[in-house]
Amino acid sequence: MTTLRAALLLALVFALGACASPPYSKSGVSRDVAMADYQDCYSMGALEHFTPEIHASINKSTRACMKARGYSGSLDFPCW
C-alpha cells in the first residue's frame, strides 16, 4: 500500500511540475524567458479580448503571438 501511495504522490508532483511550465518551447531559451514571453503574449491577448471593437479569443491571440516570436507548442493540456 505504501508503494502505491508513493507512486501516486510522485505522479502528482510530475503533473504539477508540467502545469507550472509554459506550454511553449523554443530551443536556446530558458524556462524563465519562455514564461515571461508567455505572460506578455497572454496579457496582450487579454487586452485584445476586452477591447470592444476587437473582442478576440485570448487563447488564439496568445498562440499567434507566441508563434510570431518563434515558439512552438510543447504541452497540450486542456487547461491551456
N, C-alpha and C. Protein backbone atom coordinates (compact mmCIF):
# COMPACT_ATOMS: atom_id res chain seq x y z
N MET A 1 0.82 -1.20 0.00
CA MET A 1 0.00 0.00 0.00
C MET A 1 0.86 1.27 0.00
N THR A 2 1.99 1.23 0.70
CA THR A 2 2.85 2.42 0.72
C THR A 2 3.49 2.67 -0.64
N THR A 3 3.73 1.61 -1.41
CA THR A 3 4.30 1.78 -2.74
C THR A 3 3.31 2.49 -3.65
N LEU A 4 2.05 2.13 -3.52
CA LEU A 4 1.00 2.78 -4.32
C LEU A 4 0.89 4.25 -3.96
N ARG A 5 0.94 4.55 -2.69
CA ARG A 5 0.88 5.96 -2.24
C ARG A 5 2.08 6.75 -2.77
N ALA A 6 3.25 6.14 -2.70
CA ALA A 6 4.45 6.82 -3.18
C ALA A 6 4.36 7.07 -4.68
N ALA A 7 3.85 6.09 -5.42
CA ALA A 7 3.71 6.25 -6.87
C ALA A 7 2.70 7.35 -7.21
N LEU A 8 1.60 7.40 -6.49
CA LEU A 8 0.60 8.44 -6.71
C LEU A 8 1.15 9.82 -6.37
N LEU A 9 1.90 9.92 -5.29
CA LEU A 9 2.50 11.20 -4.91
C LEU A 9 3.50 11.66 -5.96
N LEU A 10 4.29 10.73 -6.45
CA LEU A 10 5.27 11.07 -7.48
C LEU A 10 4.59 11.52 -8.77
N ALA A 11 3.52 10.85 -9.15
CA ALA A 11 2.77 11.24 -10.35
C ALA A 11 2.16 12.62 -10.18
N LEU A 12 1.67 12.93 -8.99
CA LEU A 12 1.09 14.24 -8.71
C LEU A 12 2.14 15.33 -8.80
N VAL A 13 3.31 15.08 -8.28
CA VAL A 13 4.40 16.06 -8.33
C VAL A 13 4.79 16.34 -9.78
N PHE A 14 4.91 15.29 -10.60
CA PHE A 14 5.25 15.49 -12.01
C PHE A 14 4.14 16.24 -12.75
N ALA A 15 2.88 15.95 -12.44
CA ALA A 15 1.77 16.65 -13.09
C ALA A 15 1.76 18.13 -12.72
N LEU A 16 2.02 18.44 -11.46
CA LEU A 16 2.07 19.84 -11.04
C LEU A 16 3.25 20.56 -11.68
N GLY A 17 4.35 19.87 -11.82
CA GLY A 17 5.52 20.47 -12.47
C GLY A 17 5.25 20.77 -13.94
N ALA A 18 4.51 19.91 -14.60
CA ALA A 18 4.18 20.14 -16.01
C ALA A 18 3.25 21.33 -16.16
N CYS A 19 2.32 21.49 -15.25
CA CYS A 19 1.39 22.62 -15.33
C CYS A 19 2.05 23.94 -14.96
N ALA A 20 3.18 23.89 -14.27
CA ALA A 20 3.88 25.11 -13.87
C ALA A 20 4.79 25.62 -14.99
N SER A 21 4.97 24.83 -16.03
CA SER A 21 5.82 25.24 -17.14
C SER A 21 4.98 25.93 -18.21
N PRO A 22 5.59 26.84 -18.95
CA PRO A 22 4.84 27.46 -20.05
C PRO A 22 4.55 26.42 -21.12
N PRO A 23 3.42 26.51 -21.78
CA PRO A 23 3.04 25.50 -22.77
C PRO A 23 3.73 25.66 -24.13
N TYR A 24 4.78 26.45 -24.18
CA TYR A 24 5.51 26.69 -25.44
C TYR A 24 6.99 26.52 -25.19
N SER A 25 7.70 26.11 -26.22
CA SER A 25 9.15 25.95 -26.09
C SER A 25 9.85 26.50 -27.33
N LYS A 26 11.11 26.82 -27.13
CA LYS A 26 11.94 27.33 -28.22
C LYS A 26 13.38 26.96 -27.86
N SER A 27 14.10 26.41 -28.79
CA SER A 27 15.46 25.98 -28.47
C SER A 27 16.33 27.18 -28.13
N GLY A 28 17.15 27.01 -27.11
CA GLY A 28 18.06 28.06 -26.70
C GLY A 28 17.45 29.11 -25.78
N VAL A 29 16.22 28.88 -25.33
CA VAL A 29 15.54 29.85 -24.46
C VAL A 29 15.31 29.19 -23.11
N SER A 30 15.65 29.91 -22.05
CA SER A 30 15.45 29.35 -20.71
C SER A 30 13.97 29.35 -20.34
N ARG A 31 13.64 28.59 -19.33
CA ARG A 31 12.25 28.48 -18.88
C ARG A 31 11.71 29.83 -18.40
N ASP A 32 12.55 30.60 -17.73
CA ASP A 32 12.12 31.90 -17.23
C ASP A 32 11.80 32.87 -18.36
N VAL A 33 12.61 32.87 -19.40
CA VAL A 33 12.37 33.74 -20.55
C VAL A 33 11.10 33.30 -21.27
N ALA A 34 10.92 31.99 -21.43
CA ALA A 34 9.72 31.49 -22.10
C ALA A 34 8.47 31.85 -21.29
N MET A 35 8.55 31.76 -19.98
CA MET A 35 7.40 32.11 -19.14
C MET A 35 7.11 33.61 -19.23
N ALA A 36 8.14 34.43 -19.27
CA ALA A 36 7.94 35.88 -19.40
C ALA A 36 7.30 36.22 -20.75
N ASP A 37 7.77 35.57 -21.82
CA ASP A 37 7.17 35.80 -23.14
C ASP A 37 5.72 35.34 -23.16
N TYR A 38 5.45 34.19 -22.54
CA TYR A 38 4.08 33.68 -22.49
C TYR A 38 3.16 34.63 -21.73
N GLN A 39 3.63 35.14 -20.60
CA GLN A 39 2.82 36.08 -19.83
C GLN A 39 2.58 37.36 -20.60
N ASP A 40 3.59 37.83 -21.34
CA ASP A 40 3.43 39.03 -22.16
C ASP A 40 2.40 38.80 -23.26
N CYS A 41 2.50 37.66 -23.94
CA CYS A 41 1.55 37.36 -25.02
C CYS A 41 0.14 37.15 -24.46
N TYR A 42 0.04 36.50 -23.31
CA TYR A 42 -1.27 36.29 -22.70
C TYR A 42 -1.90 37.62 -22.31
N SER A 43 -1.09 38.54 -21.79
CA SER A 43 -1.59 39.86 -21.42
C SER A 43 -2.10 40.63 -22.63
N MET A 44 -1.35 40.54 -23.74
CA MET A 44 -1.80 41.20 -24.96
C MET A 44 -3.08 40.56 -25.49
N GLY A 45 -3.18 39.22 -25.38
CA GLY A 45 -4.40 38.53 -25.80
C GLY A 45 -5.60 38.92 -24.96
N ALA A 46 -5.38 39.08 -23.64
CA ALA A 46 -6.47 39.50 -22.76
C ALA A 46 -6.89 40.93 -23.08
N LEU A 47 -5.92 41.78 -23.39
CA LEU A 47 -6.23 43.16 -23.75
C LEU A 47 -7.06 43.21 -25.04
N GLU A 48 -6.68 42.38 -26.03
CA GLU A 48 -7.46 42.33 -27.27
C GLU A 48 -8.86 41.79 -27.02
N HIS A 49 -8.97 40.82 -26.12
CA HIS A 49 -10.27 40.22 -25.83
C HIS A 49 -11.23 41.24 -25.22
N PHE A 50 -10.71 42.06 -24.33
CA PHE A 50 -11.57 43.01 -23.63
C PHE A 50 -11.67 44.37 -24.33
N THR A 51 -11.08 44.49 -25.53
CA THR A 51 -11.26 45.68 -26.34
C THR A 51 -12.56 45.49 -27.13
N PRO A 52 -13.54 46.37 -26.93
CA PRO A 52 -14.86 46.14 -27.54
C PRO A 52 -14.85 45.97 -29.05
N GLU A 53 -14.01 46.70 -29.77
CA GLU A 53 -14.02 46.60 -31.22
C GLU A 53 -13.42 45.29 -31.72
N ILE A 54 -12.44 44.76 -31.00
CA ILE A 54 -11.73 43.57 -31.45
C ILE A 54 -12.39 42.29 -30.92
N HIS A 55 -12.52 42.19 -29.63
CA HIS A 55 -13.16 41.06 -28.94
C HIS A 55 -12.61 39.71 -29.40
N ALA A 56 -11.27 39.58 -29.50
CA ALA A 56 -10.62 38.36 -29.97
C ALA A 56 -10.56 37.31 -28.86
N SER A 57 -10.32 36.08 -29.24
CA SER A 57 -10.15 34.99 -28.28
C SER A 57 -8.77 35.12 -27.63
N ILE A 58 -8.71 35.00 -26.32
CA ILE A 58 -7.44 35.13 -25.60
C ILE A 58 -6.48 34.03 -26.03
N ASN A 59 -6.95 32.79 -26.10
CA ASN A 59 -6.07 31.68 -26.45
C ASN A 59 -5.56 31.78 -27.88
N LYS A 60 -6.41 32.17 -28.82
CA LYS A 60 -5.97 32.30 -30.21
C LYS A 60 -4.95 33.43 -30.35
N SER A 61 -5.19 34.54 -29.67
CA SER A 61 -4.25 35.66 -29.73
C SER A 61 -2.91 35.29 -29.10
N THR A 62 -2.96 34.55 -27.99
CA THR A 62 -1.73 34.12 -27.32
C THR A 62 -0.94 33.17 -28.21
N ARG A 63 -1.62 32.21 -28.82
CA ARG A 63 -0.94 31.27 -29.72
C ARG A 63 -0.30 32.00 -30.90
N ALA A 64 -1.01 32.95 -31.48
CA ALA A 64 -0.47 33.70 -32.61
C ALA A 64 0.75 34.52 -32.20
N CYS A 65 0.70 35.12 -31.04
CA CYS A 65 1.82 35.92 -30.54
C CYS A 65 3.04 35.04 -30.29
N MET A 66 2.84 33.89 -29.64
CA MET A 66 3.96 33.00 -29.35
C MET A 66 4.54 32.42 -30.64
N LYS A 67 3.70 32.12 -31.61
CA LYS A 67 4.18 31.61 -32.89
C LYS A 67 4.99 32.69 -33.61
N ALA A 68 4.54 33.94 -33.51
CA ALA A 68 5.27 35.05 -34.14
C ALA A 68 6.64 35.25 -33.49
N ARG A 69 6.77 34.88 -32.23
CA ARG A 69 8.05 35.00 -31.52
C ARG A 69 8.93 33.77 -31.73
N GLY A 70 8.46 32.80 -32.48
CA GLY A 70 9.28 31.63 -32.81
C GLY A 70 9.10 30.44 -31.89
N TYR A 71 8.10 30.44 -31.06
CA TYR A 71 7.85 29.33 -30.14
C TYR A 71 6.95 28.29 -30.80
N SER A 72 7.06 27.07 -30.33
CA SER A 72 6.15 26.01 -30.76
C SER A 72 5.52 25.40 -29.52
N GLY A 73 4.34 24.84 -29.68
CA GLY A 73 3.63 24.25 -28.55
C GLY A 73 4.36 23.05 -28.00
N SER A 74 4.53 22.99 -26.68
CA SER A 74 5.24 21.87 -26.08
C SER A 74 4.33 21.00 -25.25
N LEU A 75 3.31 21.56 -24.65
CA LEU A 75 2.35 20.80 -23.85
C LEU A 75 0.96 21.08 -24.37
N ASP A 76 0.12 20.09 -24.33
CA ASP A 76 -1.24 20.27 -24.80
C ASP A 76 -2.19 19.81 -23.71
N PHE A 77 -2.35 20.61 -22.68
CA PHE A 77 -3.28 20.33 -21.61
C PHE A 77 -4.59 21.05 -21.88
N PRO A 78 -5.72 20.48 -21.50
CA PRO A 78 -6.99 21.14 -21.74
C PRO A 78 -7.11 22.48 -21.02
N CYS A 79 -6.39 22.64 -19.91
CA CYS A 79 -6.50 23.90 -19.15
C CYS A 79 -5.83 25.05 -19.88
N TRP A 80 -4.94 24.82 -20.87
CA TRP A 80 -4.28 25.89 -21.59
C TRP A 80 -5.16 26.35 -22.68
